[in-house]
């Protein structure tokens, strides 16, 4: 859970999983976007990011939740993410409810 490494797990177990740690982690890893199951995280962890879109899926047998949210970490990445989501969404199955903000 998180950037394909163990830093998030170690931070959670170590009790220092917080917005400051997360922002440091995404900055260190030069992360542009975050794809998040909001039900897995407290809202304050993503408060500094801009939510650009969501997918609502009527089934979750292969997902962690039925709602997937897409965030731009840096304000300069909002428009490119919005454009890429809009382009990609056209190819999604019809039963996925898409919102692009």
N, C-alpha and C. Protein backbone atom coordinates (compact mmCIF):
# COMPACT_ATOMS: atom_id res chain seq x y z
N UNK A 1 0.85 -1.17 0.00
CA UNK A 1 0.00 0.00 0.00
C UNK A 1 0.90 1.23 0.00
N UNK A 2 1.07 1.84 -1.14
CA UNK A 2 1.79 3.10 -1.21
C UNK A 2 3.10 3.05 -1.94
N UNK A 3 3.13 3.52 -3.14
CA UNK A 3 4.34 3.71 -3.94
C UNK A 3 5.13 2.43 -4.17
N UNK A 4 4.52 1.28 -3.96
CA UNK A 4 5.19 0.02 -4.24
C UNK A 4 6.41 -0.25 -3.38
N UNK A 5 6.44 0.28 -2.17
CA UNK A 5 7.55 0.00 -1.27
C UNK A 5 7.04 -0.15 0.16
N UNK A 6 7.95 -0.42 1.08
CA UNK A 6 7.55 -0.68 2.46
C UNK A 6 7.55 0.55 3.35
N UNK A 7 7.91 1.71 2.84
CA UNK A 7 7.99 2.90 3.69
C UNK A 7 6.66 3.24 4.36
N UNK A 8 5.56 3.07 3.64
CA UNK A 8 4.25 3.37 4.21
C UNK A 8 3.92 2.39 5.33
N UNK A 9 4.18 1.11 5.10
CA UNK A 9 3.92 0.11 6.13
C UNK A 9 4.74 0.38 7.38
N UNK A 10 6.02 0.69 7.19
CA UNK A 10 6.90 0.99 8.33
C UNK A 10 6.41 2.23 9.06
N UNK A 11 5.99 3.26 8.32
CA UNK A 11 5.49 4.49 8.96
C UNK A 11 4.21 4.22 9.74
N UNK A 12 3.33 3.42 9.17
CA UNK A 12 2.08 3.10 9.88
C UNK A 12 2.37 2.33 11.16
N UNK A 13 3.23 1.32 11.06
CA UNK A 13 3.57 0.53 12.25
C UNK A 13 4.36 1.37 13.26
N UNK A 14 5.14 2.31 12.77
CA UNK A 14 5.96 3.14 13.64
C UNK A 14 5.24 4.32 14.25
N UNK A 15 3.99 4.56 13.82
CA UNK A 15 3.19 5.62 14.39
C UNK A 15 3.49 7.02 13.86
N UNK A 16 4.20 7.09 12.75
CA UNK A 16 4.48 8.41 12.17
C UNK A 16 3.88 8.58 10.77
N UNK A 17 2.81 7.84 10.51
CA UNK A 17 2.04 7.96 9.27
C UNK A 17 1.14 9.17 9.42
N UNK A 18 1.52 10.29 8.81
CA UNK A 18 0.78 11.54 8.95
C UNK A 18 0.99 12.38 7.69
N UNK A 19 0.27 13.49 7.57
CA UNK A 19 0.39 14.30 6.34
C UNK A 19 1.82 14.78 6.06
N UNK A 20 2.57 15.13 7.09
CA UNK A 20 3.95 15.59 6.88
C UNK A 20 4.81 14.47 6.30
N UNK A 21 4.71 13.28 6.88
CA UNK A 21 5.45 12.14 6.36
C UNK A 21 5.06 11.85 4.92
N UNK A 22 3.76 11.82 4.65
CA UNK A 22 3.29 11.49 3.31
C UNK A 22 3.77 12.51 2.29
N UNK A 23 3.69 13.79 2.62
CA UNK A 23 4.15 14.82 1.69
C UNK A 23 5.65 14.69 1.43
N UNK A 24 6.41 14.38 2.46
CA UNK A 24 7.85 14.16 2.30
C UNK A 24 8.10 12.97 1.38
N UNK A 25 7.35 11.91 1.57
CA UNK A 25 7.50 10.70 0.76
C UNK A 25 7.19 10.97 -0.71
N UNK A 26 6.08 11.64 -1.00
CA UNK A 26 5.73 11.88 -2.40
C UNK A 26 6.71 12.86 -3.05
N UNK A 27 7.20 13.81 -2.27
CA UNK A 27 8.20 14.75 -2.80
C UNK A 27 9.50 14.02 -3.10
N UNK A 28 9.95 13.20 -2.17
CA UNK A 28 11.19 12.44 -2.34
C UNK A 28 11.13 11.53 -3.56
N UNK A 29 9.95 10.97 -3.82
CA UNK A 29 9.79 10.04 -4.93
C UNK A 29 9.33 10.72 -6.22
N UNK A 30 9.28 12.07 -6.20
CA UNK A 30 8.89 12.83 -7.39
C UNK A 30 7.54 12.36 -7.94
N UNK A 31 6.59 12.17 -7.03
CA UNK A 31 5.27 11.67 -7.38
C UNK A 31 4.41 12.80 -7.94
N UNK A 32 3.75 12.57 -9.07
CA UNK A 32 2.90 13.58 -9.70
C UNK A 32 1.44 13.41 -9.34
N UNK A 33 0.99 12.14 -9.29
CA UNK A 33 -0.41 11.87 -9.01
C UNK A 33 -0.52 10.80 -7.94
N UNK A 34 -1.68 10.74 -7.32
CA UNK A 34 -1.99 9.68 -6.37
C UNK A 34 -3.34 9.08 -6.75
N UNK A 35 -3.40 7.77 -6.75
CA UNK A 35 -4.64 7.04 -6.98
C UNK A 35 -4.98 6.40 -5.64
N UNK A 36 -6.13 6.80 -5.06
CA UNK A 36 -6.40 6.54 -3.65
C UNK A 36 -7.79 5.95 -3.46
N UNK A 37 -7.87 4.95 -2.58
CA UNK A 37 -9.15 4.54 -2.01
C UNK A 37 -9.34 5.41 -0.79
N UNK A 38 -10.21 6.41 -0.87
CA UNK A 38 -10.36 7.36 0.22
C UNK A 38 -10.80 6.70 1.53
N UNK A 39 -11.50 5.59 1.43
CA UNK A 39 -11.94 4.90 2.64
C UNK A 39 -10.77 4.31 3.43
N UNK A 40 -9.61 4.21 2.83
CA UNK A 40 -8.45 3.63 3.49
C UNK A 40 -7.65 4.66 4.28
N UNK A 41 -7.87 5.96 4.02
CA UNK A 41 -7.02 6.99 4.59
C UNK A 41 -7.83 8.10 5.23
N UNK A 42 -7.33 8.70 6.31
CA UNK A 42 -8.00 9.88 6.85
C UNK A 42 -7.90 11.03 5.84
N UNK A 43 -8.91 11.86 5.79
CA UNK A 43 -8.97 12.96 4.80
C UNK A 43 -7.80 13.91 4.92
N UNK A 44 -7.26 14.09 6.12
CA UNK A 44 -6.16 15.05 6.27
C UNK A 44 -4.90 14.61 5.51
N UNK A 45 -4.77 13.33 5.18
CA UNK A 45 -3.59 12.89 4.44
C UNK A 45 -3.57 13.44 3.01
N UNK A 46 -4.73 13.64 2.42
CA UNK A 46 -4.79 14.14 1.05
C UNK A 46 -5.23 15.60 0.96
N UNK A 47 -5.32 16.27 2.09
CA UNK A 47 -5.85 17.63 2.14
C UNK A 47 -5.04 18.64 1.32
N UNK A 48 -3.75 18.41 1.16
CA UNK A 48 -2.91 19.34 0.40
C UNK A 48 -2.91 19.07 -1.10
N UNK A 49 -3.59 18.03 -1.52
CA UNK A 49 -3.63 17.66 -2.93
C UNK A 49 -4.96 18.09 -3.54
N UNK A 50 -5.03 18.06 -4.85
CA UNK A 50 -6.25 18.46 -5.56
C UNK A 50 -6.89 17.22 -6.19
N UNK A 51 -8.13 16.92 -5.75
CA UNK A 51 -8.85 15.79 -6.35
C UNK A 51 -9.32 16.21 -7.73
N UNK A 52 -8.97 15.40 -8.72
CA UNK A 52 -9.26 15.74 -10.11
C UNK A 52 -10.37 14.84 -10.67
N UNK A 53 -10.52 13.65 -10.13
CA UNK A 53 -11.56 12.78 -10.65
C UNK A 53 -11.79 11.57 -9.77
N UNK A 54 -12.90 10.88 -10.05
CA UNK A 54 -13.23 9.65 -9.35
C UNK A 54 -13.82 8.64 -10.33
N UNK A 55 -13.65 7.41 -9.99
CA UNK A 55 -14.34 6.31 -10.65
C UNK A 55 -15.16 5.61 -9.57
N UNK A 56 -16.42 5.39 -9.83
CA UNK A 56 -17.27 4.59 -8.96
C UNK A 56 -17.62 3.32 -9.70
N UNK A 57 -17.25 2.20 -9.10
CA UNK A 57 -17.42 0.89 -9.71
C UNK A 57 -18.47 0.13 -8.92
N UNK A 58 -19.38 -0.52 -9.59
CA UNK A 58 -20.46 -1.20 -8.89
C UNK A 58 -20.02 -2.52 -8.27
N UNK A 59 -18.82 -2.94 -8.49
CA UNK A 59 -18.30 -4.18 -7.94
C UNK A 59 -16.88 -3.91 -7.43
N UNK A 60 -16.45 -4.67 -6.44
CA UNK A 60 -15.11 -4.43 -5.93
C UNK A 60 -14.35 -5.73 -5.64
N UNK A 61 -14.70 -6.80 -6.31
CA UNK A 61 -14.04 -8.07 -6.01
C UNK A 61 -12.56 -8.07 -6.38
N UNK A 62 -12.11 -7.16 -7.21
CA UNK A 62 -10.69 -7.06 -7.53
C UNK A 62 -10.08 -5.74 -7.05
N UNK A 63 -10.89 -4.91 -6.40
CA UNK A 63 -10.44 -3.61 -5.95
C UNK A 63 -10.50 -3.52 -4.43
N UNK A 64 -9.84 -2.51 -3.88
CA UNK A 64 -9.89 -2.29 -2.45
C UNK A 64 -11.14 -1.59 -1.99
N UNK A 65 -11.86 -0.96 -2.92
CA UNK A 65 -13.09 -0.24 -2.62
C UNK A 65 -13.81 -0.01 -3.94
N UNK A 66 -15.05 0.44 -3.87
CA UNK A 66 -15.80 0.71 -5.10
C UNK A 66 -15.55 2.13 -5.63
N UNK A 67 -14.86 2.97 -4.85
CA UNK A 67 -14.57 4.33 -5.29
C UNK A 67 -13.06 4.54 -5.34
N UNK A 68 -12.58 4.98 -6.50
CA UNK A 68 -11.17 5.27 -6.70
C UNK A 68 -11.06 6.76 -7.02
N UNK A 69 -10.20 7.46 -6.30
CA UNK A 69 -10.03 8.91 -6.51
C UNK A 69 -8.64 9.20 -7.05
N UNK A 70 -8.57 10.20 -7.93
CA UNK A 70 -7.33 10.60 -8.58
C UNK A 70 -6.97 12.01 -8.13
N UNK A 71 -5.77 12.17 -7.60
CA UNK A 71 -5.31 13.44 -7.08
C UNK A 71 -4.05 13.91 -7.81
N UNK A 72 -3.95 15.21 -8.01
CA UNK A 72 -2.71 15.83 -8.45
C UNK A 72 -1.99 16.28 -7.19
N UNK A 73 -0.73 15.89 -7.06
CA UNK A 73 0.07 16.25 -5.89
C UNK A 73 0.45 17.73 -5.96
N UNK A 74 0.79 18.18 -7.15
CA UNK A 74 1.26 19.54 -7.38
C UNK A 74 0.22 20.26 -8.25
N UNK A 75 -0.10 21.51 -7.94
CA UNK A 75 -1.09 22.24 -8.74
C UNK A 75 -0.79 22.27 -10.24
N UNK A 76 0.48 22.24 -10.63
CA UNK A 76 0.83 22.26 -12.05
C UNK A 76 0.40 20.98 -12.78
N UNK A 77 0.10 19.94 -12.02
CA UNK A 77 -0.29 18.66 -12.62
C UNK A 77 -1.80 18.47 -12.72
N UNK A 78 -2.59 19.45 -12.24
CA UNK A 78 -4.04 19.32 -12.27
C UNK A 78 -4.56 19.21 -13.70
N UNK A 79 -4.20 20.15 -14.55
CA UNK A 79 -4.73 20.15 -15.93
C UNK A 79 -4.27 18.94 -16.74
N UNK A 80 -2.98 18.57 -16.69
CA UNK A 80 -2.60 17.36 -17.41
C UNK A 80 -3.33 16.11 -16.92
N UNK A 81 -3.51 15.98 -15.60
CA UNK A 81 -4.24 14.83 -15.08
C UNK A 81 -5.69 14.86 -15.54
N UNK A 82 -6.31 16.02 -15.49
CA UNK A 82 -7.69 16.16 -15.96
C UNK A 82 -7.80 15.73 -17.43
N UNK A 83 -6.89 16.17 -18.25
CA UNK A 83 -6.91 15.82 -19.67
C UNK A 83 -6.70 14.32 -19.86
N UNK A 84 -5.73 13.75 -19.16
CA UNK A 84 -5.45 12.33 -19.32
C UNK A 84 -6.62 11.47 -18.83
N UNK A 85 -7.23 11.86 -17.73
CA UNK A 85 -8.40 11.11 -17.25
C UNK A 85 -9.53 11.19 -18.27
N UNK A 86 -9.79 12.37 -18.80
CA UNK A 86 -10.86 12.53 -19.78
C UNK A 86 -10.62 11.66 -21.01
N UNK A 87 -9.39 11.62 -21.47
CA UNK A 87 -9.04 10.79 -22.64
C UNK A 87 -9.19 9.30 -22.32
N UNK A 88 -8.71 8.89 -21.15
CA UNK A 88 -8.75 7.49 -20.77
C UNK A 88 -10.16 7.01 -20.47
N UNK A 89 -10.95 7.86 -19.86
CA UNK A 89 -12.29 7.48 -19.42
C UNK A 89 -13.18 7.01 -20.57
N UNK A 90 -12.94 7.51 -21.75
CA UNK A 90 -13.76 7.11 -22.90
C UNK A 90 -13.69 5.61 -23.16
N UNK A 91 -12.62 4.97 -22.76
CA UNK A 91 -12.46 3.54 -23.00
C UNK A 91 -12.87 2.65 -21.84
N UNK A 92 -13.37 3.25 -20.76
CA UNK A 92 -13.78 2.45 -19.60
C UNK A 92 -15.11 1.75 -19.85
N UNK A 93 -15.37 0.65 -19.15
CA UNK A 93 -16.68 -0.01 -19.26
C UNK A 93 -17.80 0.96 -18.87
N UNK A 94 -18.95 0.78 -19.46
CA UNK A 94 -20.08 1.68 -19.27
C UNK A 94 -20.60 1.71 -17.83
N UNK A 95 -20.36 0.63 -17.07
CA UNK A 95 -20.89 0.58 -15.70
C UNK A 95 -20.01 1.32 -14.69
N UNK A 96 -18.92 1.90 -15.12
CA UNK A 96 -18.08 2.72 -14.23
C UNK A 96 -18.54 4.15 -14.33
N UNK A 97 -18.97 4.71 -13.21
CA UNK A 97 -19.40 6.10 -13.16
C UNK A 97 -18.17 6.98 -12.98
N UNK A 98 -17.97 7.88 -13.93
CA UNK A 98 -16.78 8.71 -13.97
C UNK A 98 -17.15 10.15 -13.64
N UNK A 99 -16.33 10.78 -12.80
CA UNK A 99 -16.45 12.21 -12.56
C UNK A 99 -15.06 12.80 -12.75
N UNK A 100 -15.00 13.87 -13.53
CA UNK A 100 -13.77 14.63 -13.67
C UNK A 100 -14.12 16.04 -13.24
N UNK A 101 -13.36 16.59 -12.30
CA UNK A 101 -13.67 17.88 -11.72
C UNK A 101 -12.86 18.98 -12.40
